[in-house]
């Protein structure tokens, strides 16, 4: 792309881009182009094995830069780790049961939310480990949570069939999202923060207005429990994965069904968009993952090689690599364009259920049922 022409084009619709800052933006666009063109043949090596908890892990998550990550566990704690050294920085204690869902308030990363089987969600300071608030109100286990990008709200979803939005500053409930007839196991804000989606065992995904708590659309077409649901970056599309072996694409504004992405021979356990929203990756219990073009809906690549179900799939921030975590005790790194397996991350002694890239894409963490978390550089 011609960087100058692109910035001219953006400038037409964006009053913030004045003549004085145009040069700087052209420079930034060119830097981005250089970044995207860099050839990448990064080999990952095991850097550290963290015997993180005395009981199995439930989840791992990075902050935006990747300088810190957190682990949740059946031991009722969440631990904060320094990625560079692999040192434990602090333990967040206070929950009365399994800490199942965990998240940083990215992009800021100064707060952590933990959702527990004790029916509460706690908000913590990343730096001091102090607990700011305990959110009470759910009548069953909290199984997923998410911050909005603006870091003003945290959403929790529960086995009690509801989701709740909580005000981070005030420490109180803003609204309850009621309407599902079974557990909610997936939720996701859009980037602008005005919509949230919830995926449920009742086979539906609901789209809610964050300001009013009103249900705007119900996405009805799946014939099995929803496993995963996500907005793309520009908030125009929603992708859903289901136990019915299909992945569906929806118009986020109207709630209409756009396409069904088929091909898997067993349950779809995870779906995600790349950061640009151009590709979709699906992970299945059939042991394979697939990459689809969001525009043409075609299957671009099949990622085959795992010897067991794939429970997690994610793109690196650049979008040219895909990471999968499997019950075959390995994680694999793939070329997103060709589906070629670039590397097998081996060493865990039980299934890997969680994996993540840092923002630069040069560090990976994997969490396994073997009670360890591994850092790969």
Protein backbone atom coordinates (compact mmCIF):
# COMPACT_ATOMS: atom_id res chain seq x y z
CA UNK A 1 0.00 0.00 0.00
CA UNK A 2 1.15 3.53 -0.74
CA UNK A 3 1.57 4.94 2.78
CA UNK A 4 1.04 8.57 1.73
CA UNK A 5 -2.18 7.75 -0.16
CA UNK A 6 -3.44 5.70 2.77
CA UNK A 7 -2.88 8.51 5.28
CA UNK A 8 -4.59 10.98 2.90
CA UNK A 9 -7.55 8.60 2.78
CA UNK A 10 -7.70 8.20 6.58
CA UNK A 11 -7.37 11.98 6.97
CA UNK A 12 -10.55 12.60 4.99
CA UNK A 13 -12.68 10.87 7.58
CA UNK A 14 -10.64 11.58 10.70
CA UNK A 15 -10.53 15.21 11.93
CA UNK A 16 -7.81 14.37 14.47
CA UNK A 17 -5.29 13.95 11.66
CA UNK A 18 -4.17 17.49 11.00
CA UNK A 19 -1.52 18.61 8.52
CA UNK A 20 1.03 18.97 11.30
CA UNK A 21 0.88 15.30 12.34
CA UNK A 22 0.53 13.78 8.86
CA UNK A 23 4.27 13.19 8.44
CA UNK A 24 4.43 11.34 11.73
CA UNK A 25 1.54 9.08 10.78
CA UNK A 26 3.10 8.29 7.39
CA UNK A 27 6.25 7.33 9.29
CA UNK A 28 4.22 5.05 11.60
CA UNK A 29 2.46 3.36 8.68
CA UNK A 30 5.81 2.69 7.01
CA UNK A 31 7.19 1.23 10.23
CA UNK A 32 4.16 -1.04 10.45
CA UNK A 33 4.74 -2.17 6.86
CA UNK A 34 8.37 -3.00 7.67
CA UNK A 35 7.27 -4.96 10.72
CA UNK A 36 4.79 -7.00 8.67
CA UNK A 37 7.39 -7.73 6.02
CA UNK A 38 10.04 -9.00 8.45
CA UNK A 39 10.79 -12.63 7.79
CA UNK A 40 10.03 -14.73 10.80
CA UNK A 41 11.72 -18.01 11.57
CA UNK A 42 11.72 -17.77 15.35
CA UNK A 43 12.34 -21.14 16.96
CA UNK A 44 10.92 -21.46 20.46
CA UNK A 45 12.91 -23.19 23.19
CA UNK A 46 11.83 -24.15 26.67
CA UNK A 47 12.96 -21.35 28.98
CA UNK A 48 11.43 -22.40 32.28
CA UNK A 49 9.10 -24.92 33.88
CA UNK A 50 7.04 -23.36 36.66
CA UNK A 51 5.68 -25.76 39.22
CA UNK A 52 3.12 -23.13 39.75
CA UNK A 53 0.53 -24.63 42.05
CA UNK A 54 0.01 -27.60 44.34
CA UNK A 55 -3.20 -28.43 42.46
CA UNK A 56 -4.00 -28.29 38.71
CA UNK A 57 -4.06 -25.00 36.84
CA UNK A 58 -7.29 -23.68 35.34
CA UNK A 59 -6.04 -20.84 33.15
CA UNK A 60 -3.11 -18.65 32.12
CA UNK A 61 -3.14 -15.07 30.79
CA UNK A 62 -0.61 -12.41 29.76
CA UNK A 63 -0.77 -8.69 30.27
CA UNK A 64 -0.58 -6.69 27.03
CA UNK A 65 3.20 -6.33 26.82
CA UNK A 66 3.80 -9.86 28.04
CA UNK A 67 5.97 -8.72 30.96
CA UNK A 68 3.64 -10.44 33.44
CA UNK A 69 1.36 -13.41 33.35
CA UNK A 70 -1.09 -14.95 35.77
CA UNK A 71 -2.14 -18.50 36.57
CA UNK A 72 -5.37 -19.64 38.20
CA UNK A 73 -5.69 -22.91 40.05
CA UNK A 74 -7.81 -25.42 41.89
CA UNK A 75 -5.71 -24.46 44.95
CA UNK A 76 -7.97 -21.36 45.26
CA UNK A 77 -5.24 -18.87 44.36
CA UNK A 78 -4.08 -16.80 41.41
CA UNK A 79 -0.35 -16.21 41.05
CA UNK A 80 1.37 -13.33 39.27
CA UNK A 81 4.64 -14.11 37.45
CA UNK A 82 7.46 -12.14 35.90
CA UNK A 83 7.83 -13.46 32.35
CA UNK A 84 11.48 -12.49 31.88
CA UNK A 85 12.77 -14.28 34.98
CA UNK A 86 10.00 -16.82 35.59
CA UNK A 87 9.82 -15.60 39.18
CA UNK A 88 6.64 -15.63 41.22
CA UNK A 89 5.80 -12.03 42.15
CA UNK A 90 2.76 -12.58 44.34
CA UNK A 91 -0.07 -14.88 45.28
CA UNK A 92 -3.63 -13.55 45.29
CA UNK A 93 -5.39 -15.34 48.13
CA UNK A 94 -8.93 -15.01 49.41
CA UNK A 95 -11.23 -17.13 47.28
CA UNK A 96 -13.01 -20.00 49.03
CA UNK A 97 -12.94 -22.33 46.04
CA UNK A 98 -11.35 -22.98 42.62
CA UNK A 99 -10.09 -19.85 40.83
CA UNK A 100 -11.32 -20.64 37.35
CA UNK A 101 -11.45 -17.47 35.24
CA UNK A 102 -8.66 -14.88 35.26
CA UNK A 103 -7.84 -11.74 33.26
CA UNK A 104 -5.76 -8.58 33.17
CA UNK A 105 -7.49 -5.31 32.29
CA UNK A 106 -5.49 -5.04 29.07
CA UNK A 107 -4.15 -2.83 27.58
CA UNK A 108 -3.44 -1.26 31.02
CA UNK A 109 -2.56 -4.36 33.01
CA UNK A 110 -2.69 -2.65 36.41
CA UNK A 111 -5.67 -4.74 37.56
CA UNK A 112 -6.51 -8.44 37.65
CA UNK A 113 -9.94 -10.04 37.92
CA UNK A 114 -10.44 -13.55 39.27
CA UNK A 115 -13.67 -15.52 39.00
CA UNK A 116 -14.23 -18.46 41.27
CA UNK A 117 -16.41 -21.48 41.97
CA UNK A 118 -17.15 -19.67 45.27
CA UNK A 119 -19.60 -17.56 43.15
CA UNK A 120 -17.60 -14.34 43.58
CA UNK A 121 -15.29 -12.27 41.42
CA UNK A 122 -12.42 -10.34 42.96
CA UNK A 123 -10.60 -7.30 41.59
CA UNK A 124 -6.91 -6.94 42.53
CA UNK A 125 -4.03 -4.53 42.11
CA UNK A 126 -1.35 -6.10 39.91
CA UNK A 127 1.39 -4.12 41.66
CA UNK A 128 0.50 -4.61 45.32
CA UNK A 129 -1.78 -7.66 45.26
CA UNK A 130 -4.36 -5.72 47.26
CA UNK A 131 -7.98 -6.80 46.75
CA UNK A 132 -10.02 -3.73 45.74
CA UNK A 133 -13.46 -5.34 45.54
CA UNK A 134 -15.27 -8.62 45.94
CA UNK A 135 -18.26 -8.81 43.61
CA UNK A 136 -21.08 -10.90 45.08
CA UNK A 137 -24.40 -11.69 43.43
CA UNK A 138 -24.10 -14.82 41.32
CA UNK A 139 -25.86 -17.89 42.71
CA UNK A 140 -23.52 -20.44 41.11
CA UNK A 141 -19.90 -20.84 39.91
CA UNK A 142 -18.32 -18.08 37.82
CA UNK A 143 -16.78 -19.72 34.77
CA UNK A 144 -15.68 -16.83 32.58
CA UNK A 145 -14.99 -13.13 32.80
CA UNK A 146 -13.76 -10.26 30.72
CA UNK A 147 -12.82 -6.59 31.05
CA UNK A 148 -14.00 -4.07 28.49
CA UNK A 149 -11.09 -2.42 26.64
CA UNK A 150 -11.88 0.89 28.35
CA UNK A 151 -11.24 -0.79 31.72
CA UNK A 152 -14.39 0.60 33.32
CA UNK A 153 -16.32 -2.67 33.56
CA UNK A 154 -15.71 -6.31 34.25
CA UNK A 155 -18.23 -8.88 33.04
CA UNK A 156 -18.74 -12.23 34.74
CA UNK A 157 -20.69 -15.23 33.48
CA UNK A 158 -21.97 -18.03 35.62
CA UNK A 159 -23.50 -21.47 35.78
CA UNK A 160 -26.57 -19.63 37.16
CA UNK A 161 -27.46 -18.73 33.49
CA UNK A 162 -26.78 -15.00 33.96
CA UNK A 163 -23.95 -12.62 33.24
CA UNK A 164 -23.32 -9.50 35.29
CA UNK A 165 -21.53 -6.24 34.58
CA UNK A 166 -19.65 -4.63 37.47
CA UNK A 167 -18.34 -1.08 37.84
CA UNK A 168 -14.60 -1.28 38.52
CA UNK A 169 -14.34 2.10 40.28
CA UNK A 170 -17.43 1.88 42.46
CA UNK A 171 -17.17 -1.85 43.05
CA UNK A 172 -20.83 -2.48 42.46
CA UNK A 173 -23.11 -4.32 40.07
CA UNK A 174 -24.28 -2.29 37.08
CA UNK A 175 -26.68 -4.73 35.45
CA UNK A 176 -27.62 -8.41 35.21
CA UNK A 177 -27.98 -9.94 31.75
CA UNK A 178 -30.83 -12.46 32.04
CA UNK A 179 -32.34 -14.45 29.21
CA UNK A 180 -30.35 -17.63 28.72
CA UNK A 181 -31.91 -20.91 29.84
CA UNK A 182 -28.62 -22.68 30.65
CA UNK A 183 -25.06 -21.97 31.80
CA UNK A 184 -23.11 -19.19 30.09
CA UNK A 185 -19.59 -20.36 29.29
CA UNK A 186 -18.31 -17.68 26.90
CA UNK A 187 -18.43 -13.91 26.90
CA UNK A 188 -16.73 -11.19 24.95
CA UNK A 189 -16.93 -7.38 24.72
CA UNK A 190 -16.49 -5.67 21.39
CA UNK A 191 -13.62 -3.19 21.12
CA UNK A 192 -15.83 -0.08 21.39
CA UNK A 193 -17.34 -1.45 24.58
CA UNK A 194 -21.00 -0.86 23.70
CA UNK A 195 -21.85 -4.52 23.05
CA UNK A 196 -21.18 -7.80 24.79
CA UNK A 197 -21.95 -11.36 23.65
CA UNK A 198 -22.67 -14.39 25.79
CA UNK A 199 -22.53 -17.99 24.60
CA UNK A 200 -24.53 -20.62 26.42
CA UNK A 201 -25.20 -24.34 26.77
CA UNK A 202 -28.75 -23.46 25.57
CA UNK A 203 -27.26 -23.49 22.01
CA UNK A 204 -27.63 -19.70 21.59
CA UNK A 205 -25.46 -16.60 21.67
CA UNK A 206 -27.01 -13.36 22.91
CA UNK A 207 -25.90 -9.86 21.90
CA UNK A 208 -26.47 -7.26 24.63
CA UNK A 209 -26.40 -3.48 24.82
CA UNK A 210 -23.84 -2.70 27.54
CA UNK A 211 -25.42 0.64 28.50
CA UNK A 212 -28.93 -0.69 29.12
CA UNK A 213 -28.38 -4.42 29.64
CA UNK A 214 -31.02 -5.05 26.97
CA UNK A 215 -30.78 -8.15 24.79
CA UNK A 216 -30.51 -6.90 21.19
CA UNK A 217 -30.25 -10.18 19.26
CA UNK A 218 -30.28 -13.88 19.88
CA UNK A 219 -28.14 -15.85 17.46
CA UNK A 220 -30.13 -19.04 16.95
CA UNK A 221 -28.94 -21.69 14.51
CA UNK A 222 -26.53 -23.91 16.36
CA UNK A 223 -27.74 -27.37 17.31
CA UNK A 224 -25.37 -27.91 20.17
CA UNK A 225 -23.85 -26.17 23.15
CA UNK A 226 -21.80 -23.04 22.38
CA UNK A 227 -18.11 -23.43 23.19
CA UNK A 228 -16.73 -20.10 22.09
CA UNK A 229 -17.85 -16.68 20.75
CA UNK A 230 -15.91 -13.59 19.73
CA UNK A 231 -16.21 -10.22 17.96
CA UNK A 232 -13.71 -9.24 15.30
CA UNK A 233 -11.63 -6.11 15.83
CA UNK A 234 -13.87 -3.62 13.99
CA UNK A 235 -16.99 -5.01 15.72
CA UNK A 236 -18.70 -5.93 12.44
CA UNK A 237 -18.66 -9.73 12.79
CA UNK A 238 -19.24 -12.35 15.45
CA UNK A 239 -17.86 -15.87 15.21
CA UNK A 240 -19.32 -18.75 17.23
CA UNK A 241 -18.13 -22.31 17.75
CA UNK A 242 -20.35 -25.14 18.89
CA UNK A 243 -20.50 -28.75 19.98
CA UNK A 244 -22.58 -29.30 16.80
CA UNK A 245 -19.22 -29.46 14.88
CA UNK A 246 -19.80 -26.14 13.10
CA UNK A 247 -18.57 -22.60 13.35
CA UNK A 248 -20.90 -19.76 12.35
CA UNK A 249 -20.34 -16.21 11.22
CA UNK A 250 -22.87 -13.48 12.06
CA UNK A 251 -23.42 -9.82 11.27
CA UNK A 252 -22.78 -8.12 14.62
CA UNK A 253 -25.06 -5.17 13.91
CA UNK A 254 -28.15 -7.04 12.72
CA UNK A 255 -27.60 -10.45 14.31
CA UNK A 256 -28.18 -12.16 10.97
CA UNK A 257 -26.46 -15.42 10.06
CA UNK A 258 -23.85 -14.94 7.33
CA UNK A 259 -22.23 -18.34 6.91
CA UNK A 260 -21.67 -21.76 8.44
CA UNK A 261 -18.08 -22.98 8.35
CA UNK A 262 -18.11 -26.75 8.13
CA UNK A 263 -15.50 -29.46 7.77
CA UNK A 264 -14.77 -30.64 11.29
CA UNK A 265 -15.88 -34.16 12.16
CA UNK A 266 -16.26 -33.52 15.90
CA UNK A 267 -17.10 -30.77 18.39
CA UNK A 268 -15.53 -27.34 17.92
CA UNK A 269 -13.90 -26.40 21.20
CA UNK A 270 -12.46 -22.98 20.40
CA UNK A 271 -12.67 -20.27 17.72
CA UNK A 272 -10.86 -16.98 17.25
CA UNK A 273 -10.25 -14.13 14.83
CA UNK A 274 -6.81 -12.82 14.03
CA UNK A 275 -6.25 -9.22 15.16
CA UNK A 276 -7.20 -7.83 11.76
CA UNK A 277 -10.42 -9.84 11.66
CA UNK A 278 -9.53 -11.33 8.27
CA UNK A 279 -9.03 -14.91 9.32
CA UNK A 280 -10.80 -17.30 11.65
CA UNK A 281 -9.19 -20.28 13.32
CA UNK A 282 -11.17 -23.21 14.70
CA UNK A 283 -10.00 -25.97 17.04
CA UNK A 284 -11.80 -29.27 17.29
CA UNK A 285 -12.10 -32.48 19.25
CA UNK A 286 -11.31 -34.23 15.94
CA UNK A 287 -7.63 -33.34 16.54
CA UNK A 288 -7.40 -30.77 13.77
CA UNK A 289 -7.61 -27.01 13.48
CA UNK A 290 -8.72 -25.02 10.46
CA UNK A 291 -8.19 -21.54 9.09
CA UNK A 292 -10.95 -19.76 7.18
CA UNK A 293 -10.99 -16.49 5.26
CA UNK A 294 -13.62 -14.27 6.95
CA UNK A 295 -14.37 -12.51 3.66
CA UNK A 296 -14.72 -15.48 1.29
CA UNK A 297 -15.66 -18.03 4.03
CA UNK A 298 -13.30 -20.52 2.38
CA UNK A 299 -11.11 -22.93 4.31
CA UNK A 300 -7.55 -21.75 3.64
CA UNK A 301 -5.67 -24.37 5.63
CA UNK A 302 -6.12 -27.55 7.65
CA UNK A 303 -3.78 -27.94 10.60
CA UNK A 304 -3.33 -31.67 10.99
CA UNK A 305 -0.89 -33.58 13.18
CA UNK A 306 -2.09 -33.51 16.78
CA UNK A 307 -2.84 -36.91 18.29
CA UNK A 308 -5.73 -35.72 20.44
CA UNK A 309 -8.39 -33.03 20.74
CA UNK A 310 -7.36 -29.38 20.43
CA UNK A 311 -8.91 -27.29 23.18
CA UNK A 312 -7.31 -23.92 22.44
CA UNK A 313 -6.27 -22.00 19.36
CA UNK A 314 -4.86 -18.48 19.01
CA UNK A 315 -3.10 -16.27 16.46
CA UNK A 316 0.06 -14.37 17.26
CA UNK A 317 -0.61 -10.60 17.20
CA UNK A 318 0.93 -10.34 13.72
CA UNK A 319 -1.51 -12.96 12.42
CA UNK A 320 1.01 -15.12 10.55
CA UNK A 321 1.31 -17.85 13.19
CA UNK A 322 -1.20 -20.05 14.97
CA UNK A 323 -0.71 -21.80 18.29
CA UNK A 324 -2.73 -24.86 19.30
CA UNK A 325 -2.93 -26.70 22.63
CA UNK A 326 -3.89 -30.35 22.72
CA UNK A 327 -4.71 -33.29 24.96
CA UNK A 328 -1.80 -35.11 23.26
CA UNK A 329 0.46 -33.18 25.74
CA UNK A 330 1.94 -30.95 23.02
CA UNK A 331 1.40 -27.48 21.68
CA UNK A 332 2.06 -26.79 18.03
CA UNK A 333 3.05 -23.73 16.07
CA UNK A 334 1.69 -23.40 12.53
CA UNK A 335 2.06 -21.14 9.52
CA UNK A 336 -1.35 -19.42 9.29
CA UNK A 337 -1.24 -19.10 5.49
CA UNK A 338 -0.16 -22.63 4.56
CA UNK A 339 -1.19 -24.71 7.58
CA UNK A 340 2.34 -26.08 7.71
CA UNK A 341 3.45 -27.25 11.19
CA UNK A 342 6.56 -25.25 12.10
CA UNK A 343 7.27 -26.58 15.56
CA UNK A 344 6.07 -29.01 18.22
CA UNK A 345 6.43 -27.84 21.82
CA UNK A 346 6.99 -31.01 23.81
CA UNK A 347 7.67 -31.79 27.44
CA UNK A 348 4.39 -31.51 29.30
CA UNK A 349 3.34 -34.84 30.82
CA UNK A 350 -0.42 -34.28 30.62
CA UNK A 351 -2.87 -32.44 28.40
CA UNK A 352 -2.30 -28.77 27.62
CA UNK A 353 -5.48 -26.76 27.98
CA UNK A 354 -4.19 -23.21 27.73
CA UNK A 355 -1.71 -21.34 25.55
CA UNK A 356 -0.94 -17.72 24.79
CA UNK A 357 1.46 -15.42 22.96
CA UNK A 358 2.87 -12.22 24.37
CA UNK A 359 2.23 -9.08 22.32
CA UNK A 360 5.53 -9.22 20.47
CA UNK A 361 4.88 -12.84 19.56
CA UNK A 362 8.29 -14.07 20.73
CA UNK A 363 7.19 -15.70 24.00
CA UNK A 364 4.63 -18.47 24.50
CA UNK A 365 3.18 -19.81 27.70
CA UNK A 366 1.46 -23.18 28.00
CA UNK A 367 -0.59 -24.45 30.92
CA UNK A 368 -1.10 -28.14 31.51
CA UNK A 369 -2.94 -30.60 33.69
CA UNK A 370 0.52 -31.74 34.84
CA UNK A 371 0.34 -28.75 37.27
CA UNK A 372 3.08 -26.87 35.44
CA UNK A 373 3.21 -23.82 33.31
CA UNK A 374 5.98 -23.57 30.72
CA UNK A 375 7.58 -20.45 29.26
CA UNK A 376 8.98 -20.80 25.73
CA UNK A 377 11.29 -18.17 24.23
